[in-house]
Amino acid sequence: MKKEYRIKKNDDFQKVFKKGKSFANRQFVVYKLRREDETHFRIGLSVSKKIGNAVCRNRIKRCIRQTFHELEQEIDQKNDYIIIARKPAANMDFHEIKKSLIHVLKIGKVLQKTKTSPSK
């Protein structure tokens, strides 16, 4: 994922936490903040040390980034997102993480409706 698609600065994180809306499921909490001046979304990731060692935390972050990359066309582009992983995410594989993120993004009405392609 390109650097301009990431939130790194603490000020940006705090702004999304304070002014944004949150929605959650068992595995993830997502905060979103509308930004009309931007042409693409940005994401910030937070995976606590309580979830696991560095290998586990980095794997979760890679899975989240890959999911957002795959859903790039369906996600509302004018928002900043912060994704906080919860403990159950440590025991999930990529497909379960993707399914869970899609679920929580639908709760927050972030995903745009797309036609499902027929399976081959």
PDB file of N, CA and C in Angstrom:
ATOM      1  N   MET A   1       0.846  -1.181   0.000  1.00  0.00           N
ATOM      2  CA  MET A   1       0.000   0.000   0.000  1.00  0.00           C
ATOM      3  C   MET A   1       0.887   1.237   0.000  1.00  0.00           C
ATOM      4  N   LYS A   2       0.526   2.225  -0.797  1.00  0.00           N
ATOM      5  CA  LYS A   2       1.333   3.429  -0.923  1.00  0.00           C
ATOM      6  C   LYS A   2       1.340   4.231   0.370  1.00  0.00           C
ATOM      7  N   LYS A   3       2.427   4.991   0.571  1.00  0.00           N
ATOM      8  CA  LYS A   3       2.568   5.753   1.816  1.00  0.00           C
ATOM      9  C   LYS A   3       1.487   6.805   1.989  1.00  0.00           C
ATOM     10  N   GLU A   4       1.015   7.396   0.898  1.00  0.00           N
ATOM     11  CA  GLU A   4      -0.014   8.431   1.036  1.00  0.00           C
ATOM     12  C   GLU A   4      -1.364   7.847   1.460  1.00  0.00           C
ATOM     13  N   TYR A   5      -1.472   6.522   1.489  1.00  0.00           N
ATOM     14  CA  TYR A   5      -2.695   5.862   1.933  1.00  0.00           C
ATOM     15  C   TYR A   5      -2.639   5.497   3.417  1.00  0.00           C
ATOM     16  N   ARG A   6      -1.564   5.872   4.118  1.00  0.00           N
ATOM     17  CA  ARG A   6      -1.414   5.499   5.525  1.00  0.00           C
ATOM     18  C   ARG A   6      -1.461   6.722   6.436  1.00  0.00           C
ATOM     19  N   ILE A   7      -1.980   6.516   7.627  1.00  0.00           N
ATOM     20  CA  ILE A   7      -1.960   7.535   8.672  1.00  0.00           C
ATOM     21  C   ILE A   7      -0.839   7.158   9.620  1.00  0.00           C
ATOM     22  N   LYS A   8       0.121   8.051   9.814  1.00  0.00           N
ATOM     23  CA  LYS A   8       1.267   7.764  10.670  1.00  0.00           C
ATOM     24  C   LYS A   8       1.361   8.709  11.866  1.00  0.00           C
ATOM     25  N   LYS A   9       0.957   9.950  11.676  1.00  0.00           N
ATOM     26  CA  LYS A   9       1.159  10.958  12.723  1.00  0.00           C
ATOM     27  C   LYS A   9       0.124  10.825  13.838  1.00  0.00           C
ATOM     28  N   ASN A  10       0.592  11.018  15.058  1.00  0.00           N
ATOM     29  CA  ASN A  10      -0.281  10.930  16.229  1.00  0.00           C
ATOM     30  C   ASN A  10      -1.417  11.950  16.149  1.00  0.00           C
ATOM     31  N   ASP A  11      -1.143  13.146  15.650  1.00  0.00           N
ATOM     32  CA  ASP A  11      -2.185  14.174  15.534  1.00  0.00           C
ATOM     33  C   ASP A  11      -3.332  13.691  14.648  1.00  0.00           C
ATOM     34  N   ASP A  12      -2.984  13.023  13.545  1.00  0.00           N
ATOM     35  CA  ASP A  12      -4.015  12.510  12.643  1.00  0.00           C
ATOM     36  C   ASP A  12      -4.830  11.411  13.321  1.00  0.00           C
ATOM     37  N   PHE A  13      -4.152  10.529  14.063  1.00  0.00           N
ATOM     38  CA  PHE A  13      -4.855   9.487  14.816  1.00  0.00           C
ATOM     39  C   PHE A  13      -5.830  10.121  15.804  1.00  0.00           C
ATOM     40  N   GLN A  14      -5.347  11.084  16.577  1.00  0.00           N
ATOM     41  CA  GLN A  14      -6.181  11.707  17.608  1.00  0.00           C
ATOM     42  C   GLN A  14      -7.389  12.413  17.008  1.00  0.00           C
ATOM     43  N   LYS A  15      -7.201  13.054  15.858  1.00  0.00           N
ATOM     44  CA  LYS A  15      -8.301  13.751  15.188  1.00  0.00           C
ATOM     45  C   LYS A  15      -9.405  12.761  14.801  1.00  0.00           C
ATOM     46  N   VAL A  16      -9.010  11.604  14.260  1.00  0.00           N
ATOM     47  CA  VAL A  16      -9.993  10.591  13.864  1.00  0.00           C
ATOM     48  C   VAL A  16     -10.688  10.024  15.100  1.00  0.00           C
ATOM     49  N   PHE A  17      -9.919   9.772  16.182  1.00  0.00           N
ATOM     50  CA  PHE A  17     -10.524   9.242  17.412  1.00  0.00           C
ATOM     51  C   PHE A  17     -11.543  10.214  17.996  1.00  0.00           C
ATOM     52  N   LYS A  18     -11.202  11.500  18.026  1.00  0.00           N
ATOM     53  CA  LYS A  18     -12.058  12.481  18.695  1.00  0.00           C
ATOM     54  C   LYS A  18     -13.265  12.884  17.857  1.00  0.00           C
ATOM     55  N   LYS A  19     -13.075  13.075  16.551  1.00  0.00           N
ATOM     56  CA  LYS A  19     -14.151  13.597  15.712  1.00  0.00           C
ATOM     57  C   LYS A  19     -14.858  12.541  14.889  1.00  0.00           C
ATOM     58  N   GLY A  20     -14.272  11.343  14.798  1.00  0.00           N
ATOM     59  CA  GLY A  20     -14.819  10.319  13.922  1.00  0.00           C
ATOM     60  C   GLY A  20     -15.895   9.472  14.574  1.00  0.00           C
ATOM     61  N   LYS A  21     -16.536   8.658  13.756  1.00  0.00           N
ATOM     62  CA  LYS A  21     -17.542   7.700  14.212  1.00  0.00           C
ATOM     63  C   LYS A  21     -16.882   6.329  14.306  1.00  0.00           C
ATOM     64  N   SER A  22     -17.363   5.497  15.238  1.00  0.00           N
ATOM     65  CA  SER A  22     -16.784   4.166  15.388  1.00  0.00           C
ATOM     66  C   SER A  22     -17.855   3.098  15.223  1.00  0.00           C
ATOM     67  N   PHE A  23     -17.418   1.938  14.773  1.00  0.00           N
ATOM     68  CA  PHE A  23     -18.264   0.769  14.661  1.00  0.00           C
ATOM     69  C   PHE A  23     -17.364  -0.441  14.849  1.00  0.00           C
ATOM     70  N   ALA A  24     -17.958  -1.542  15.303  1.00  0.00           N
ATOM     71  CA  ALA A  24     -17.111  -2.665  15.705  1.00  0.00           C
ATOM     72  C   ALA A  24     -17.831  -3.994  15.565  1.00  0.00           C
ATOM     73  N   ASN A  25     -17.016  -5.051  15.542  1.00  0.00           N
ATOM     74  CA  ASN A  25     -17.492  -6.408  15.750  1.00  0.00           C
ATOM     75  C   ASN A  25     -16.536  -7.056  16.749  1.00  0.00           C
ATOM     76  N   ARG A  26     -16.550  -8.370  16.886  1.00  0.00           N
ATOM     77  CA  ARG A  26     -15.700  -9.009  17.898  1.00  0.00           C
ATOM     78  C   ARG A  26     -14.209  -8.867  17.624  1.00  0.00           C
ATOM     79  N   GLN A  27     -13.816  -8.789  16.353  1.00  0.00           N
ATOM     80  CA  GLN A  27     -12.398  -8.802  16.010  1.00  0.00           C
ATOM     81  C   GLN A  27     -11.796  -7.423  15.769  1.00  0.00           C
ATOM     82  N   PHE A  28     -12.600  -6.450  15.325  1.00  0.00           N
ATOM     83  CA  PHE A  28     -12.051  -5.151  14.941  1.00  0.00           C
ATOM     84  C   PHE A  28     -12.940  -4.000  15.393  1.00  0.00           C
ATOM     85  N   VAL A  29     -12.294  -2.871  15.674  1.00  0.00           N
ATOM     86  CA  VAL A  29     -12.984  -1.603  15.869  1.00  0.00           C
ATOM     87  C   VAL A  29     -12.492  -0.696  14.752  1.00  0.00           C
ATOM     88  N   VAL A  30     -13.412  -0.027  14.069  1.00  0.00           N
ATOM     89  CA  VAL A  30     -13.029   0.871  12.977  1.00  0.00           C
ATOM     90  C   VAL A  30     -13.572   2.255  13.283  1.00  0.00           C
ATOM     91  N   TYR A  31     -12.708   3.246  13.204  1.00  0.00           N
ATOM     92  CA  TYR A  31     -13.099   4.648  13.300  1.00  0.00           C
ATOM     93  C   TYR A  31     -13.013   5.234  11.903  1.00  0.00           C
ATOM     94  N   LYS A  32     -13.994   6.084  11.553  1.00  0.00           N
ATOM     95  CA  LYS A  32     -13.910   6.770  10.266  1.00  0.00           C
ATOM     96  C   LYS A  32     -14.184   8.251  10.468  1.00  0.00           C
ATOM     97  N   LEU A  33     -13.484   9.048   9.688  1.00  0.00           N
ATOM     98  CA  LEU A  33     -13.654  10.499   9.732  1.00  0.00           C
ATOM     99  C   LEU A  33     -13.736  11.003   8.298  1.00  0.00           C
ATOM    100  N   ARG A  34     -14.793  11.721   7.991  1.00  0.00           N
ATOM    101  CA  ARG A  34     -15.015  12.255   6.638  1.00  0.00           C
ATOM    102  C   ARG A  34     -14.028  13.380   6.351  1.00  0.00           C
ATOM    103  N   ARG A  35     -13.406  13.320   5.178  1.00  0.00           N
ATOM    104  CA  ARG A  35     -12.482  14.377   4.729  1.00  0.00           C
ATOM    105  C   ARG A  35     -12.826  14.706   3.280  1.00  0.00           C
ATOM    106  N   GLU A  36     -13.505  15.818   3.089  1.00  0.00           N
ATOM    107  CA  GLU A  36     -13.991  16.180   1.752  1.00  0.00           C
ATOM    108  C   GLU A  36     -12.873  16.599   0.795  1.00  0.00           C
ATOM    109  N   ASP A  37     -11.743  17.060   1.345  1.00  0.00           N
ATOM    110  CA  ASP A  37     -10.681  17.600   0.500  1.00  0.00           C
ATOM    111  C   ASP A  37      -9.797  16.524  -0.125  1.00  0.00           C
ATOM    112  N   GLU A  38      -9.974  15.260   0.264  1.00  0.00           N
ATOM    113  CA  GLU A  38      -9.085  14.201  -0.220  1.00  0.00           C
ATOM    114  C   GLU A  38      -9.697  13.429  -1.392  1.00  0.00           C
ATOM    115  N   THR A  39      -8.791  12.855  -2.205  1.00  0.00           N
ATOM    116  CA  THR A  39      -9.226  12.064  -3.361  1.00  0.00           C
ATOM    117  C   THR A  39      -9.150  10.569  -3.070  1.00  0.00           C
ATOM    118  N   HIS A  40      -8.488  10.170  -1.994  1.00  0.00           N
ATOM    119  CA  HIS A  40      -8.386   8.756  -1.644  1.00  0.00           C
ATOM    120  C   HIS A  40      -8.414   8.598  -0.125  1.00  0.00           C
ATOM    121  N   PHE A  41      -8.732   7.396   0.307  1.00  0.00           N
ATOM    122  CA  PHE A  41      -8.807   7.125   1.743  1.00  0.00           C
ATOM    123  C   PHE A  41      -7.403   6.921   2.315  1.00  0.00           C
ATOM    124  N   ARG A  42      -7.308   7.024   3.648  1.00  0.00           N
ATOM    125  CA  ARG A  42      -6.072   6.685   4.360  1.00  0.00           C
ATOM    126  C   ARG A  42      -6.454   5.755   5.501  1.00  0.00           C
ATOM    127  N   ILE A  43      -5.545   4.829   5.842  1.00  0.00           N
ATOM    128  CA  ILE A  43      -5.812   3.944   6.969  1.00  0.00           C
ATOM    129  C   ILE A  43      -4.675   4.017   7.976  1.00  0.00           C
ATOM    130  N   GLY A  44      -5.048   3.894   9.235  1.00  0.00           N
ATOM    131  CA  GLY A  44      -4.097   3.775  10.331  1.00  0.00           C
ATOM    132  C   GLY A  44      -4.392   2.481  11.057  1.00  0.00           C
ATOM    133  N   LEU A  45      -3.354   1.787  11.465  1.00  0.00           N
ATOM    134  CA  LEU A  45      -3.532   0.486  12.108  1.00  0.00           C
ATOM    135  C   LEU A  45      -3.021   0.528  13.539  1.00  0.00           C
ATOM    136  N   SER A  46      -3.738  -0.144  14.419  1.00  0.00           N
ATOM    137  CA  SER A  46      -3.321  -0.266  15.801  1.00  0.00           C
ATOM    138  C   SER A  46      -3.526  -1.710  16.238  1.00  0.00           C
ATOM    139  N   VAL A  47      -2.402  -2.383  16.532  1.00  0.00           N
ATOM    140  CA  VAL A  47      -2.451  -3.761  17.008  1.00  0.00           C
ATOM    141  C   VAL A  47      -1.633  -3.813  18.292  1.00  0.00           C
ATOM    142  N   SER A  48      -2.295  -4.031  19.411  1.00  0.00           N
ATOM    143  CA  SER A  48      -1.677  -3.976  20.725  1.00  0.00           C
ATOM    144  C   SER A  48      -0.712  -5.135  20.964  1.00  0.00           C
ATOM    145  N   LYS A  49       0.245  -4.912  21.852  1.00  0.00           N
ATOM    146  CA  LYS A  49       1.169  -5.975  22.255  1.00  0.00           C
ATOM    147  C   LYS A  49       0.448  -7.101  22.989  1.00  0.00           C
ATOM    148  N   LYS A  50      -0.735  -6.818  23.518  1.00  0.00           N
ATOM    149  CA  LYS A  50      -1.516  -7.846  24.210  1.00  0.00           C
ATOM    150  C   LYS A  50      -1.973  -8.938  23.250  1.00  0.00           C
ATOM    151  N   ILE A  51      -2.020  -8.622  21.966  1.00  0.00           N
ATOM    152  CA  ILE A  51      -2.527  -9.570  20.973  1.00  0.00           C
ATOM    153  C   ILE A  51      -1.512 -10.668  20.678  1.00  0.00           C
ATOM    154  N   GLY A  52      -0.222 -10.340  20.712  1.00  0.00           N
ATOM    155  CA  GLY A  52       0.779 -11.360  20.426  1.00  0.00           C
ATOM    156  C   GLY A  52       2.146 -10.750  20.215  1.00  0.00           C
ATOM    157  N   ASN A  53       3.074 -11.577  19.775  1.00  0.00           N
ATOM    158  CA  ASN A  53       4.428 -11.069  19.543  1.00  0.00           C
ATOM    159  C   ASN A  53       4.474 -10.285  18.228  1.00  0.00           C
ATOM    160  N   ALA A  54       5.638  -9.759  17.883  1.00  0.00           N
ATOM    161  CA  ALA A  54       5.776  -8.890  16.713  1.00  0.00           C
ATOM    162  C   ALA A  54       5.390  -9.606  15.424  1.00  0.00           C
ATOM    163  N   VAL A  55       5.732 -10.881  15.326  1.00  0.00           N
ATOM    164  CA  VAL A  55       5.403 -11.647  14.128  1.00  0.00           C
ATOM    165  C   VAL A  55       3.889 -11.706  13.935  1.00  0.00           C
ATOM    166  N   CYS A  56       3.169 -11.979  14.996  1.00  0.00           N
ATOM    167  CA  CYS A  56       1.709 -12.069  14.958  1.00  0.00           C
ATOM    168  C   CYS A  56       1.088 -10.708  14.620  1.00  0.00           C
ATOM    169  N   ARG A  57       1.561  -9.659  15.284  1.00  0.00           N
ATOM    170  CA  ARG A  57       1.016  -8.319  15.046  1.00  0.00           C
ATOM    171  C   ARG A  57       1.259  -7.865  13.615  1.00  0.00           C
ATOM    172  N   ASN A  58       2.461  -8.110  13.095  1.00  0.00           N
ATOM    173  CA  ASN A  58       2.769  -7.699  11.724  1.00  0.00           C
ATOM    174  C   ASN A  58       1.955  -8.485  10.706  1.00  0.00           C
ATOM    175  N   ARG A  59       1.696  -9.767  10.982  1.00  0.00           N
ATOM    176  CA  ARG A  59       0.873 -10.573  10.081  1.00  0.00           C
ATOM    177  C   ARG A  59      -0.549 -10.016  10.013  1.00  0.00           C
ATOM    178  N   ILE A  60      -1.083  -9.636  11.162  1.00  0.00           N
ATOM    179  CA  ILE A  60      -2.430  -9.048  11.198  1.00  0.00           C
ATOM    180  C   ILE A  60      -2.456  -7.753  10.397  1.00  0.00           C
ATOM    181  N   LYS A  61      -1.432  -6.912  10.574  1.00  0.00           N
ATOM    182  CA  LYS A  61      -1.385  -5.640   9.841  1.00  0.00           C
ATOM    183  C   LYS A  61      -1.271  -5.865   8.335  1.00  0.00           C
ATOM    184  N   ARG A  62      -0.464  -6.843   7.930  1.00  0.00           N
ATOM    185  CA  ARG A  62      -0.347  -7.148   6.489  1.00  0.00           C
ATOM    186  C   ARG A  62      -1.689  -7.611   5.925  1.00  0.00           C
ATOM    187  N   CYS A  63      -2.391  -8.441   6.684  1.00  0.00           N
ATOM    188  CA  CYS A  63      -3.704  -8.930   6.232  1.00  0.00           C
ATOM    189  C   CYS A  63      -4.706  -7.780   6.096  1.00  0.00           C
ATOM    190  N   ILE A  64      -4.703  -6.856   7.042  1.00  0.00           N
ATOM    191  CA  ILE A  64      -5.617  -5.710   6.985  1.00  0.00           C
ATOM    192  C   ILE A  64      -5.294  -4.844   5.774  1.00  0.00           C
ATOM    193  N   ARG A  65      -4.007  -4.549   5.561  1.00  0.00           N
ATOM    194  CA  ARG A  65      -3.609  -3.741   4.402  1.00  0.00           C
ATOM    195  C   ARG A  65      -3.999  -4.415   3.096  1.00  0.00           C
ATOM    196  N   GLN A  66      -3.774  -5.722   2.997  1.00  0.00           N
ATOM    197  CA  GLN A  66      -4.126  -6.457   1.782  1.00  0.00           C
ATOM    198  C   GLN A  66      -5.629  -6.440   1.547  1.00  0.00           C
ATOM    199  N   THR A  67      -6.408  -6.564   2.598  1.00  0.00           N
ATOM    200  CA  THR A  67      -7.860  -6.506   2.463  1.00  0.00           C
ATOM    201  C   THR A  67      -8.297  -5.153   1.934  1.00  0.00           C
ATOM    202  N   PHE A  68      -7.738  -4.076   2.490  1.00  0.00           N
ATOM    203  CA  PHE A  68      -8.090  -2.746   2.007  1.00  0.00           C
ATOM    204  C   PHE A  68      -7.643  -2.559   0.564  1.00  0.00           C
ATOM    205  N   HIS A  69      -6.500  -3.131   0.213  1.00  0.00           N
ATOM    206  CA  HIS A  69      -6.018  -3.040  -1.166  1.00  0.00           C
ATOM    207  C   HIS A  69      -6.986  -3.745  -2.115  1.00  0.00           C
ATOM    208  N   GLU A  70      -7.472  -4.919  -1.731  1.00  0.00           N
ATOM    209  CA  GLU A  70      -8.401  -5.668  -2.570  1.00  0.00           C
ATOM    210  C   GLU A  70      -9.773  -5.000  -2.660  1.00  0.00           C
ATOM    211  N   LEU A  71     -10.171  -4.285  -1.603  1.00  0.00           N
ATOM    212  CA  LEU A  71     -11.486  -3.621  -1.581  1.00  0.00           C
ATOM    213  C   LEU A  71     -11.414  -2.151  -1.986  1.00  0.00           C
ATOM    214  N   GLU A  72     -10.277  -1.731  -2.501  1.00  0.00           N
ATOM    215  CA  GLU A  72     -10.022  -0.314  -2.780  1.00  0.00           C
ATOM    216  C   GLU A  72     -11.133   0.356  -3.603  1.00  0.00           C
ATOM    217  N   GLN A  73     -11.661  -0.337  -4.596  1.00  0.00           N
ATOM    218  CA  GLN A  73     -12.686   0.245  -5.469  1.00  0.00           C
ATOM    219  C   GLN A  73     -14.043   0.362  -4.784  1.00  0.00           C
ATOM    220  N   GLU A  74     -14.281  -0.439  -3.749  1.00  0.00           N
ATOM    221  CA  GLU A  74     -15.580  -0.469  -3.088  1.00  0.00           C
ATOM    222  C   GLU A  74     -15.649   0.450  -1.870  1.00  0.00           C
ATOM    223  N   ILE A  75     -14.483   0.891  -1.369  1.00  0.00           N
ATOM    224  CA  ILE A  75     -14.437   1.666  -0.135  1.00  0.00           C
ATOM    225  C   ILE A  75     -14.645   3.154  -0.433  1.00  0.00           C
ATOM    226  N   ASP A  76     -15.409   3.809   0.433  1.00  0.00           N
ATOM    227  CA  ASP A  76     -15.630   5.254   0.322  1.00  0.00           C
ATOM    228  C   ASP A  76     -14.280   5.964   0.400  1.00  0.00           C
ATOM    229  N   GLN A  77     -13.934   6.704  -0.651  1.00  0.00           N
ATOM    230  CA  GLN A  77     -12.594   7.265  -0.806  1.00  0.00           C
ATOM    231  C   GLN A  77     -12.344   8.529   0.023  1.00  0.00           C
ATOM    232  N   LYS A  78     -13.366   9.169   0.507  1.00  0.00           N
ATOM    233  CA  LYS A  78     -13.187  10.461   1.182  1.00  0.00           C
ATOM    234  C   LYS A  78     -13.143  10.352   2.699  1.00  0.00           C
ATOM    235  N   ASN A  79     -12.691   9.214   3.218  1.00  0.00           N
ATOM    236  CA  ASN A  79     -12.624   9.005   4.656  1.00  0.00           C
ATOM    237  C   ASN A  79     -11.217   8.627   5.092  1.00  0.00           C
ATOM    238  N   ASP A  80     -10.912   8.935   6.351  1.00  0.00           N
ATOM    239  CA  ASP A  80      -9.762   8.357   7.029  1.00  0.00           C
ATOM    240  C   ASP A  80     -10.306   7.222   7.896  1.00  0.00           C
ATOM    241  N   TYR A  81      -9.565   6.121   7.967  1.00  0.00           N
ATOM    242  CA  TYR A  81      -9.983   4.970   8.756  1.00  0.00           C
ATOM    243  C   TYR A  81      -8.883   4.588   9.732  1.00  0.00           C
ATOM    244  N   ILE A  82      -9.270   4.240  10.944  1.00  0.00           N
ATOM    245  CA  ILE A  82      -8.338   3.644  11.894  1.00  0.00           C
ATOM    246  C   ILE A  82      -8.923   2.299  12.286  1.00  0.00           C
ATOM    247  N   ILE A  83      -8.111   1.274  12.137  1.00  0.00           N
ATOM    248  CA  ILE A  83      -8.545  -0.089  12.443  1.00  0.00           C
ATOM    249  C   ILE A  83      -7.789  -0.560  13.671  1.00  0.00           C
ATOM    250  N   ILE A  84      -8.520  -0.959  14.691  1.00  0.00           N
ATOM    251  CA  ILE A  84      -7.921  -1.489  15.913  1.00  0.00           C
ATOM    252  C   ILE A  84      -8.264  -2.971  15.975  1.00  0.00           C
ATOM    253  N   ALA A  85      -7.239  -3.795  16.028  1.00  0.00           N
ATOM    254  CA  ALA A  85      -7.449  -5.244  16.101  1.00  0.00           C
ATOM    255  C   ALA A  85      -7.687  -5.649  17.549  1.00  0.00           C
ATOM    256  N   ARG A  86      -8.618  -6.570  17.749  1.00  0.00           N
ATOM    257  CA  ARG A  86      -8.887  -7.129  19.067  1.00  0.00           C
ATOM    258  C   ARG A  86      -8.283  -8.529  19.161  1.00  0.00           C
ATOM    259  N   LYS A  87      -8.259  -9.069  20.357  1.00  0.00           N
ATOM    260  CA  LYS A  87      -7.597 -10.343  20.642  1.00  0.00           C
ATOM    261  C   LYS A  87      -7.986 -11.504  19.708  1.00  0.00           C
ATOM    262  N   PRO A  88      -9.274 -11.698  19.364  1.00  0.00           N
ATOM    263  CA  PRO A  88      -9.616 -12.840  18.508  1.00  0.00           C
ATOM    264  C   PRO A  88      -8.966 -12.805  17.120  1.00  0.00           C
ATOM    265  N   ALA A  89      -8.532 -11.650  16.667  1.00  0.00           N
ATOM    266  CA  ALA A  89      -7.912 -11.541  15.340  1.00  0.00           C
ATOM    267  C   ALA A  89      -6.591 -12.307  15.268  1.00  0.00           C
ATOM    268  N   ALA A  90      -5.962 -12.561  16.410  1.00  0.00           N
ATOM    269  CA  ALA A  90      -4.668 -13.252  16.432  1.00  0.00           C
ATOM    270  C   ALA A  90      -4.775 -14.683  15.930  1.00  0.00           C
ATOM    271  N   ASN A  91      -5.925 -15.313  16.085  1.00  0.00           N
ATOM    272  CA  ASN A  91      -6.092 -16.713  15.718  1.00  0.00           C
ATOM    273  C   ASN A  91      -6.749 -16.910  14.361  1.00  0.00           C
ATOM    274  N   MET A  92      -6.845 -15.841  13.566  1.00  0.00           N
ATOM    275  CA  MET A  92      -7.546 -15.910  12.292  1.00  0.00           C
ATOM    276  C   MET A  92      -6.562 -15.941  11.126  1.00  0.00           C
ATOM    277  N   ASP A  93      -6.953 -16.628  10.039  1.00  0.00           N
ATOM    278  CA  ASP A  93      -6.137 -16.570   8.834  1.00  0.00           C
ATOM    279  C   ASP A  93      -6.614 -15.397   7.966  1.00  0.00           C
ATOM    280  N   PHE A  94      -5.962 -15.205   6.818  1.00  0.00           N
ATOM    281  CA  PHE A  94      -6.262 -14.036   5.978  1.00  0.00           C
ATOM    282  C   PHE A  94      -7.731 -13.982   5.566  1.00  0.00           C
ATOM    283  N   HIS A  95      -8.287 -15.107   5.152  1.00  0.00           N
ATOM    284  CA  HIS A  95      -9.664 -15.103   4.657  1.00  0.00           C
ATOM    285  C   HIS A  95     -10.667 -14.773   5.760  1.00  0.00           C
ATOM    286  N   GLU A  96     -10.394 -15.233   6.971  1.00  0.00           N
ATOM    287  CA  GLU A  96     -11.276 -14.908   8.099  1.00  0.00           C
ATOM    288  C   GLU A  96     -11.154 -13.425   8.458  1.00  0.00           C
ATOM    289  N   ILE A  97      -9.933 -12.898   8.415  1.00  0.00           N
ATOM    290  CA  ILE A  97      -9.734 -11.465   8.690  1.00  0.00           C
ATOM    291  C   ILE A  97     -10.465 -10.625   7.652  1.00  0.00           C
ATOM    292  N   LYS A  98     -10.336 -11.008   6.387  1.00  0.00           N
ATOM    293  CA  LYS A  98     -11.009 -10.267   5.309  1.00  0.00           C
ATOM    294  C   LYS A  98     -12.521 -10.302   5.495  1.00  0.00           C
ATOM    295  N   LYS A  99     -13.066 -11.464   5.797  1.00  0.00           N
ATOM    296  CA  LYS A  99     -14.507 -11.600   5.999  1.00  0.00           C
ATOM    297  C   LYS A  99     -14.978 -10.742   7.167  1.00  0.00           C
ATOM    298  N   SER A 100     -14.203 -10.740   8.246  1.00  0.00           N
ATOM    299  CA  SER A 100     -14.554  -9.954   9.423  1.00  0.00           C
ATOM    300  C   SER A 100     -14.486  -8.452   9.134  1.00  0.00           C
ATOM    301  N   LEU A 101     -13.453  -8.026   8.398  1.00  0.00           N
ATOM    302  CA  LEU A 101     -13.340  -6.604   8.044  1.00  0.00           C
ATOM    303  C   LEU A 101     -14.479  -6.173   7.124  1.00  0.00           C
ATOM    304  N   ILE A 102     -14.830  -7.011   6.167  1.00  0.00           N
ATOM    305  CA  ILE A 102     -15.959  -6.689   5.285  1.00  0.00           C
ATOM    306  C   ILE A 102     -17.226  -6.543   6.124  1.00  0.00           C
ATOM    307  N   HIS A 103     -17.408  -7.426   7.098  1.00  0.00           N
ATOM    308  CA  HIS A 103     -18.583  -7.360   7.974  1.00  0.00           C
ATOM    309  C   HIS A 103     -18.630  -6.032   8.729  1.00  0.00           C
ATOM    310  N   VAL A 104     -17.516  -5.654   9.339  1.00  0.00           N
ATOM    311  CA  VAL A 104     -17.513  -4.418  10.139  1.00  0.00           C
ATOM    312  C   VAL A 104     -17.623  -3.178   9.236  1.00  0.00           C
ATOM    313  N   LEU A 105     -17.083  -3.227   8.034  1.00  0.00           N
ATOM    314  CA  LEU A 105     -17.213  -2.094   7.114  1.00  0.00           C
ATOM    315  C   LEU A 105     -18.650  -1.960   6.610  1.00  0.00           C
ATOM    316  N   LYS A 106     -19.358  -3.082   6.476  1.00  0.00           N
ATOM    317  CA  LYS A 106     -20.777  -3.015   6.106  1.00  0.00           C
ATOM    318  C   LYS A 106     -21.601  -2.430   7.243  1.00  0.00           C
ATOM    319  N   ILE A 107     -21.236  -2.750   8.478  1.00  0.00           N
ATOM    320  CA  ILE A 107     -21.919  -2.169   9.638  1.00  0.00           C
ATOM    321  C   ILE A 107     -21.810  -0.651   9.601  1.00  0.00           C
ATOM    322  N   GLY A 108     -20.611  -0.153   9.237  1.00  0.00           N
ATOM    323  CA  GLY A 108     -20.383   1.284   9.180  1.00  0.00           C
ATOM    324  C   GLY A 108     -20.812   1.932   7.883  1.00  0.00           C
ATOM    325  N   LYS A 109     -21.437   1.156   6.993  1.00  0.00           N
ATOM    326  CA  LYS A 109     -21.922   1.669   5.698  1.00  0.00           C
ATOM    327  C   LYS A 109     -20.799   2.334   4.908  1.00  0.00           C
ATOM    328  N   VAL A 110     -19.636   1.695   4.908  1.00  0.00           N
ATOM    329  CA  VAL A 110     -18.461   2.214   4.206  1.00  0.00           C
ATOM    330  C   VAL A 110     -18.352   1.608   2.817  1.00  0.00           C
ATOM    331  N   LEU A 111     -18.717   0.345   2.686  1.00  0.00           N
ATOM    332  CA  LEU A 111     -18.610  -0.331   1.392  1.00  0.00           C
ATOM    333  C   LEU A 111     -19.757   0.062   0.482  1.00  0.00           C
ATOM    334  N   GLN A 112     -19.413   0.337  -0.772  1.00  0.00           N
ATOM    335  CA  GLN A 112     -20.425   0.628  -1.766  1.00  0.00           C
ATOM    336  C   GLN A 112     -20.906  -0.693  -2.330  1.00  0.00           C
ATOM    337  N   LYS A 113     -22.172  -0.735  -2.709  1.00  0.00           N
ATOM    338  CA  LYS A 113     -22.733  -1.958  -3.249  1.00  0.00           C
ATOM    339  C   LYS A 113     -22.098  -2.248  -4.611  1.00  0.00           C
ATOM    340  N   THR A 114     -21.635  -3.473  -4.785  1.00  0.00           N
ATOM    341  CA  THR A 114     -21.099  -3.896  -6.084  1.00  0.00           C
ATOM    342  C   THR A 114     -21.773  -5.195  -6.486  1.00  0.00           C
ATOM    343  N   LYS A 115     -21.791  -5.429  -7.770  1.00  0.00           N
ATOM    344  CA  LYS A 115     -22.369  -6.671  -8.269  1.00  0.00           C
ATOM    345  C   LYS A 115     -21.395  -7.803  -8.000  1.00  0.00           C
ATOM    346  N   THR A 116     -21.906  -8.917  -7.537  1.00  0.00           N
ATOM    347  CA  THR A 116     -21.036 -10.069  -7.302  1.00  0.00           C
ATOM    348  C   THR A 116     -20.806 -10.790  -8.621  1.00  0.00           C
ATOM    349  N   SER A 117     -19.564 -11.164  -8.860  1.00  0.00           N
ATOM    350  CA  SER A 117     -19.244 -11.864 -10.092  1.00  0.00           C
ATOM    351  C   SER A 117     -19.575 -13.343  -9.937  1.00  0.00           C
ATOM    352  N   PRO A 118     -20.044 -13.974 -10.994  1.00  0.00           N
ATOM    353  CA  PRO A 118     -20.366 -15.404 -10.886  1.00  0.00           C
ATOM    354  C   PRO A 118     -19.107 -16.218 -10.695  1.00  0.00           C
ATOM    355  N   SER A 119     -19.191 -17.247  -9.877  1.00  0.00           N
ATOM    356  CA  SER A 119     -18.005 -18.090  -9.611  1.00  0.00           C
ATOM    357  C   SER A 119     -17.781 -19.025 -10.776  1.00  0.00           C
ATOM    358  N   LYS A 120     -16.509 -19.315 -11.026  1.00  0.00           N
ATOM    359  CA  LYS A 120     -16.159 -20.168 -12.165  1.00  0.00           C
ATOM    360  C   LYS A 120     -15.873 -21.566 -11.723  1.00  0.00           C
TER     361      LYS A 120
END
